[in-house]
Protein backbone atom coordinates (compact mmCIF):
# COMPACT_ATOMS: atom_id res chain seq x y z
CA MET A 1 114.96 74.45 92.74
CA GLU A 2 111.58 73.07 93.74
CA ILE A 3 107.99 74.18 94.00
CA TYR A 4 107.35 75.96 97.30
CA ASP A 5 104.64 74.59 99.56
CA SER A 6 103.80 75.16 103.22
CA ASP A 7 106.17 72.44 104.46
CA MET A 8 109.08 74.14 102.71
CA LEU A 9 108.00 77.47 104.17
CA TYR A 10 107.90 76.08 107.71
CA ASN A 11 111.33 74.53 107.18
CA ASP A 12 112.77 77.89 106.13
CA LEU A 13 111.07 79.71 109.02
CA ALA A 14 112.60 77.23 111.46
CA HIS A 15 116.05 78.61 110.60
CA PHE A 16 114.94 82.08 111.68
CA LYS A 17 114.02 80.88 115.18
CA TYR A 18 117.65 80.91 116.29
CA ILE A 19 118.55 84.37 114.96
CA GLU A 20 118.52 87.08 117.59
CA SER A 21 117.45 89.88 115.23
CA VAL A 22 114.35 87.98 114.04
CA THR A 23 111.03 87.43 115.82
CA LEU A 24 108.48 84.85 114.68
CA GLU A 25 104.83 85.17 115.64
CA ILE A 26 101.71 83.18 114.78
CA ILE A 27 99.06 85.73 113.77
CA GLY A 28 96.25 83.27 112.97
CA GLU A 29 95.56 80.04 111.18
CA THR A 30 94.09 78.84 107.93
CA VAL A 31 90.79 77.01 107.50
CA LEU A 32 92.75 73.74 107.79
CA LYS A 33 94.44 75.01 110.98
CA LYS A 34 97.88 75.69 109.53
CA PRO A 35 99.57 78.49 111.51
CA ILE A 36 100.07 81.76 109.65
CA TYR A 37 103.42 83.26 110.58
CA SER A 38 104.66 86.82 110.72
CA VAL A 39 108.41 87.49 110.70
CA THR A 40 109.66 90.73 112.27
CA VAL A 41 113.09 92.33 111.86
CA GLY A 42 114.27 95.67 113.25
CA GLU A 43 113.36 98.02 116.08
CA GLY A 44 112.72 101.34 114.37
CA PRO A 45 109.54 103.45 114.49
CA PHE A 46 108.69 103.28 110.74
CA LEU A 47 106.80 100.00 110.22
CA VAL A 48 106.90 98.34 106.78
CA HIS A 49 104.78 95.29 105.95
CA TRP A 50 105.27 92.74 103.15
CA ASN A 51 103.00 89.82 102.34
CA ALA A 52 102.93 87.07 99.71
CA GLY A 53 101.12 83.87 98.87
CA PHE A 54 97.60 85.32 99.01
CA HIS A 55 96.63 83.17 96.02
CA GLY A 56 97.24 79.44 95.82
CA ASN A 57 98.87 79.27 92.40
CA GLU A 58 101.05 82.32 93.09
CA TRP A 59 103.31 80.44 95.50
CA ILE A 60 106.46 81.66 93.70
CA THR A 61 105.92 85.01 95.47
CA SER A 62 106.43 83.33 98.84
CA LYS A 63 109.66 81.70 97.69
CA VAL A 64 111.03 85.01 96.42
CA ILE A 65 110.14 86.94 99.58
CA VAL A 66 111.51 84.30 101.97
CA ASP A 67 114.77 84.08 100.03
CA ILE A 68 115.25 87.86 100.01
CA LEU A 69 114.41 87.99 103.70
CA GLY A 70 117.08 85.34 104.28
CA GLU A 71 119.63 87.39 102.34
CA MET A 72 118.81 90.46 104.39
CA VAL A 73 119.00 88.71 107.74
CA GLU A 74 122.32 87.12 106.83
CA ALA A 75 123.77 90.49 105.79
CA LEU A 76 122.39 92.08 108.95
CA GLU A 77 123.95 89.43 111.18
CA GLU A 78 127.29 89.76 109.38
CA GLU A 79 127.19 93.57 109.64
CA ARG A 80 127.60 94.02 105.88
CA GLU A 81 125.77 95.85 103.12
CA LEU A 82 123.32 94.26 100.70
CA GLU A 83 123.20 95.80 97.23
CA GLY A 84 124.69 98.99 98.68
CA PHE A 85 122.13 99.23 101.52
CA GLU A 86 123.55 99.56 105.03
CA LEU A 87 121.02 97.30 106.74
CA ARG A 88 122.14 97.84 110.32
CA THR A 89 121.49 101.56 110.03
CA ILE A 90 118.21 101.00 108.20
CA PHE A 91 116.84 98.56 110.78
CA ASP A 92 117.60 101.03 113.55
CA GLN A 93 115.10 103.31 111.82
CA ILE A 94 112.46 100.86 110.65
CA THR A 95 110.73 97.64 111.61
CA LEU A 96 109.92 95.12 108.89
CA GLN A 97 106.97 92.77 109.28
CA VAL A 98 106.57 89.94 106.73
CA VAL A 99 103.76 87.41 106.26
CA PRO A 100 105.38 85.17 103.63
CA MET A 101 102.45 82.84 102.87
CA VAL A 102 98.89 83.87 103.70
CA ASN A 103 97.01 81.09 101.89
CA MET A 104 98.84 77.87 102.74
CA ASP A 105 95.77 75.68 102.17
CA GLY A 106 95.36 77.09 98.67
CA VAL A 107 99.06 76.81 97.89
CA ASP A 108 99.18 73.16 98.95
CA LEU A 109 96.03 72.35 96.96
CA ALA A 110 97.38 74.09 93.84
CA ILE A 111 100.63 72.14 94.08
CA HIS A 112 99.61 68.72 95.39
CA GLY A 113 95.93 68.40 94.45
CA LEU A 114 93.13 66.63 96.30
CA GLU A 115 95.39 64.96 98.84
CA LYS A 116 95.66 68.41 100.49
CA ALA A 117 91.93 69.20 100.50
CA GLY A 118 91.34 67.99 104.05
CA GLY A 119 87.60 67.67 104.66
CA TYR A 120 86.81 69.89 101.67
CA THR A 121 87.25 67.36 98.85
CA ASP A 122 83.70 67.62 97.53
CA LEU A 123 83.69 71.41 97.79
CA VAL A 124 86.96 71.95 95.93
CA LEU A 125 85.98 69.48 93.21
CA ASN A 126 82.78 71.42 92.70
CA CYS A 127 84.63 74.75 92.76
CA ASN A 128 87.27 73.66 90.28
CA GLN A 129 84.78 73.57 87.40
CA ILE A 130 86.23 72.10 84.19
CA ASN A 131 89.86 72.21 85.36
CA LYS A 132 91.48 68.77 85.43
CA THR A 133 94.20 69.81 87.88
CA PHE A 134 94.36 72.43 90.63
CA THR A 135 97.15 74.51 89.09
CA SER A 136 94.65 77.32 88.38
CA TRP A 137 93.45 77.42 92.01
CA LYS A 138 93.70 80.91 93.57
CA ALA A 139 91.16 80.71 96.40
CA ASN A 140 91.45 79.41 99.94
CA ILE A 141 90.23 75.88 100.67
CA ARG A 142 86.62 77.10 100.96
CA GLY A 143 86.68 78.61 97.49
CA VAL A 144 86.97 82.24 98.61
CA ASP A 145 89.42 84.64 96.98
CA LEU A 146 91.25 86.10 99.96
CA ASN A 147 92.25 89.26 98.13
CA LYS A 148 88.62 90.11 97.45
CA GLN A 149 87.62 89.81 101.11
CA PHE A 150 88.38 93.30 102.40
CA PRO A 151 85.74 95.99 103.10
CA ALA A 152 86.76 98.50 100.43
CA GLY A 153 84.23 98.38 97.61
CA TRP A 154 83.46 94.77 98.50
CA GLU A 155 79.84 95.20 97.39
CA VAL A 156 81.04 96.09 93.87
CA GLU A 157 82.95 92.82 93.61
CA LYS A 158 80.03 90.88 95.07
CA GLU A 159 77.77 92.05 92.23
CA ARG A 160 80.10 91.15 89.39
CA LYS A 161 82.12 88.18 90.60
CA PRO A 162 81.02 84.56 91.15
CA ALA A 163 78.09 84.27 93.55
CA GLN A 164 79.29 81.01 95.08
CA PRO A 165 82.59 79.39 95.99
CA SER A 166 84.96 78.99 93.06
CA PHE A 167 88.59 78.28 92.30
CA ARG A 168 89.03 82.04 91.81
CA ASP A 169 87.34 85.44 92.23
CA PHE A 170 84.52 84.59 94.69
CA PRO A 171 84.64 87.41 97.27
CA GLY A 172 82.75 85.47 99.93
CA TYR A 173 79.27 86.02 101.32
CA ALA A 174 80.49 88.99 103.39
CA PRO A 175 83.81 90.77 104.01
CA LEU A 176 86.39 89.11 106.27
CA THR A 177 84.57 85.81 106.67
CA GLU A 178 87.73 83.79 106.08
CA PRO A 179 90.24 83.27 108.89
CA GLU A 180 93.22 84.09 106.68
CA ALA A 181 91.77 87.45 105.57
CA LYS A 182 90.66 88.28 109.10
CA ALA A 183 94.14 87.51 110.47
CA MET A 184 95.66 89.94 107.97
CA ALA A 185 93.10 92.65 108.70
CA ASP A 186 93.67 92.26 112.45
CA LEU A 187 97.42 92.47 111.95
CA LEU A 188 97.08 95.79 110.16
CA LYS A 189 94.56 97.10 112.68
CA ASN A 190 96.81 96.23 115.63
CA ASN A 191 100.03 97.71 114.23
CA ASP A 192 100.80 101.26 113.15
CA ILE A 193 101.98 100.25 109.69
CA GLU A 194 103.16 102.99 107.35
CA ARG A 195 103.71 101.07 104.11
CA VAL A 196 102.26 97.81 102.75
CA LEU A 197 103.68 95.75 99.88
CA GLY A 198 101.66 92.78 98.66
CA PHE A 199 103.31 90.40 96.17
CA HIS A 200 101.23 88.68 93.51
CA SER A 201 101.83 87.32 90.02
CA GLN A 202 101.80 88.19 87.14
CA GLY A 203 102.25 91.28 84.92
CA GLU A 204 105.37 93.19 86.06
CA VAL A 205 103.27 96.14 87.21
CA ILE A 206 102.80 97.95 90.53
CA TYR A 207 99.35 99.17 91.58
CA TYR A 208 99.63 101.98 94.09
CA GLY A 209 96.33 103.85 94.39
CA TYR A 210 92.74 103.39 95.41
CA GLN A 211 89.95 105.90 94.77
CA ASN A 212 92.57 108.71 94.82
CA LYS A 213 92.97 108.21 98.57
CA GLN A 214 96.65 107.25 98.50
CA PRO A 215 99.13 109.68 100.12
CA MET A 216 100.99 112.05 97.83
CA ASN A 217 104.39 110.44 98.42
CA SER A 218 103.17 107.14 96.92
CA GLN A 219 103.90 108.58 93.47
CA ARG A 220 107.53 109.29 94.33
CA VAL A 221 108.03 105.92 96.00
CA VAL A 222 106.53 103.93 93.13
CA GLU A 223 108.68 105.84 90.63
CA ASP A 224 111.73 104.75 92.64
CA PHE A 225 110.45 101.17 92.45
CA GLN A 226 110.01 101.53 88.69
CA ARG A 227 113.53 102.83 88.11
CA ALA A 228 114.97 99.96 90.13
CA SER A 229 112.92 97.13 88.61
CA GLY A 230 111.37 98.20 85.33
CA TYR A 231 107.91 97.35 86.68
CA GLU A 232 105.25 99.76 85.40
CA PRO A 233 103.36 101.88 87.97
CA ILE A 234 99.57 101.92 87.60
CA CYS A 235 97.64 104.21 89.92
CA THR A 236 94.15 102.75 89.79
CA VAL A 237 92.19 100.04 88.01
CA ASP A 238 88.56 98.99 88.29
CA SER A 239 89.20 96.57 91.13
CA HIS A 240 88.13 96.57 94.77
CA ALA A 241 88.20 94.61 98.04
CA GLY A 242 91.91 93.85 98.02
CA MET A 243 94.09 94.22 101.09
CA LYS A 244 95.98 97.11 99.50
CA ASP A 245 92.68 98.81 98.61
CA TRP A 246 91.40 98.51 102.17
CA PHE A 247 94.67 99.70 103.69
CA ILE A 248 94.70 102.85 101.56
CA ASP A 249 90.96 103.42 102.02
CA ASN A 250 91.03 102.92 105.77
CA TYR A 251 94.36 104.50 106.73
CA ARG A 252 95.29 106.84 103.83
CA LYS A 253 98.78 105.34 103.88
CA GLU A 254 101.02 103.78 101.24
CA GLY A 255 99.87 100.50 99.71
CA TYR A 256 101.43 98.69 96.74
CA THR A 257 100.44 95.51 94.91
CA ILE A 258 103.47 94.22 93.03
CA GLU A 259 102.69 91.77 90.23
CA VAL A 260 105.87 89.78 89.62
CA GLY A 261 106.80 87.92 86.45
CA LYS A 262 104.87 87.43 83.23
CA GLY A 263 102.85 84.57 81.85
CA ILE A 264 100.23 82.15 83.16
CA ASN A 265 100.10 81.21 86.84
CA PRO A 266 101.73 79.27 88.29
CA LEU A 267 104.74 80.96 86.77
CA PRO A 268 107.52 78.54 85.80
CA LEU A 269 110.50 78.28 88.11
CA SER A 270 112.64 79.22 85.12
CA GLN A 271 111.52 82.82 85.85
CA TYR A 272 112.58 82.66 89.48
CA THR A 273 116.03 84.27 89.16
CA SER A 274 114.72 87.07 86.95
CA ILE A 275 111.89 87.78 89.39
CA LEU A 276 114.25 87.70 92.36
CA ASN A 277 116.60 90.21 90.75
CA LYS A 278 113.75 92.62 89.94
CA VAL A 279 111.99 92.31 93.30
CA ARG A 280 115.12 92.65 95.46
CA PRO A 281 115.69 96.37 94.71
CA ILE A 282 111.98 97.10 95.22
CA VAL A 283 111.93 95.60 98.69
CA LEU A 284 115.21 97.19 99.70
CA LEU A 285 113.92 100.60 98.64
CA SER A 286 110.71 99.92 100.58
CA LEU A 287 112.79 99.92 103.76
CA LEU A 288 113.72 103.59 103.42
CA PRO A 289 111.40 105.76 105.52
CA SER A 290 109.49 108.50 103.72
């Protein structure tokens, strides 16, 4: 098993192009003009959204989500169950939308270093502070933390996070300045999504509330996730401006941030199988309409 960069993602997505039940769409592009893909499966009215790879050094989330998506599509095409879930019946009721890697520029920089900085070499060197490698890099290539870019308490994060571009935590000079964050916000605005799952690392917890604005059924759903995975539900923490926060705040619908694995990012690939086996039941349960 290898580290998972944007080239590997594009290679995996290429296999989906020839599968009738799957639709690929470019929803935007990164600062360095890499296309951001959405993968859609199903034709039902209940729309579920997954995303991963928001942070550069959390690329293992993209690998896990793409591999599970591949398992699901294969089972769907072969008209068989996956882990006891009858996918053909489920996908008649729901539509699944997946953005498997939001921050490709950050992922490639975290993995490969300066050779992937494009025209931003001086900026990323300045942002990286005392770090000798880019393995701690979370931001996009302009030093903006994409999951602190959304207009839900953004001003709170602005006051207490770095005031200039950094390898992590800088929320930008205003909400939705970065093309990756704007592409995700537009995707949610333009689709009647009922449930959002965002995959990050690490901690083995699931955040499911924001300012007590989450719908009542979020509690039941997250308890199902807990029973299946062992991940601990946490309703709210003192954090703002994430995509999940904005989705709950803006739409009063279900939003979940799932923190996979434990340790220091990037998580070692030795955890991959364990993470996969804990995330798989969460995502399968997420396909069941409320």
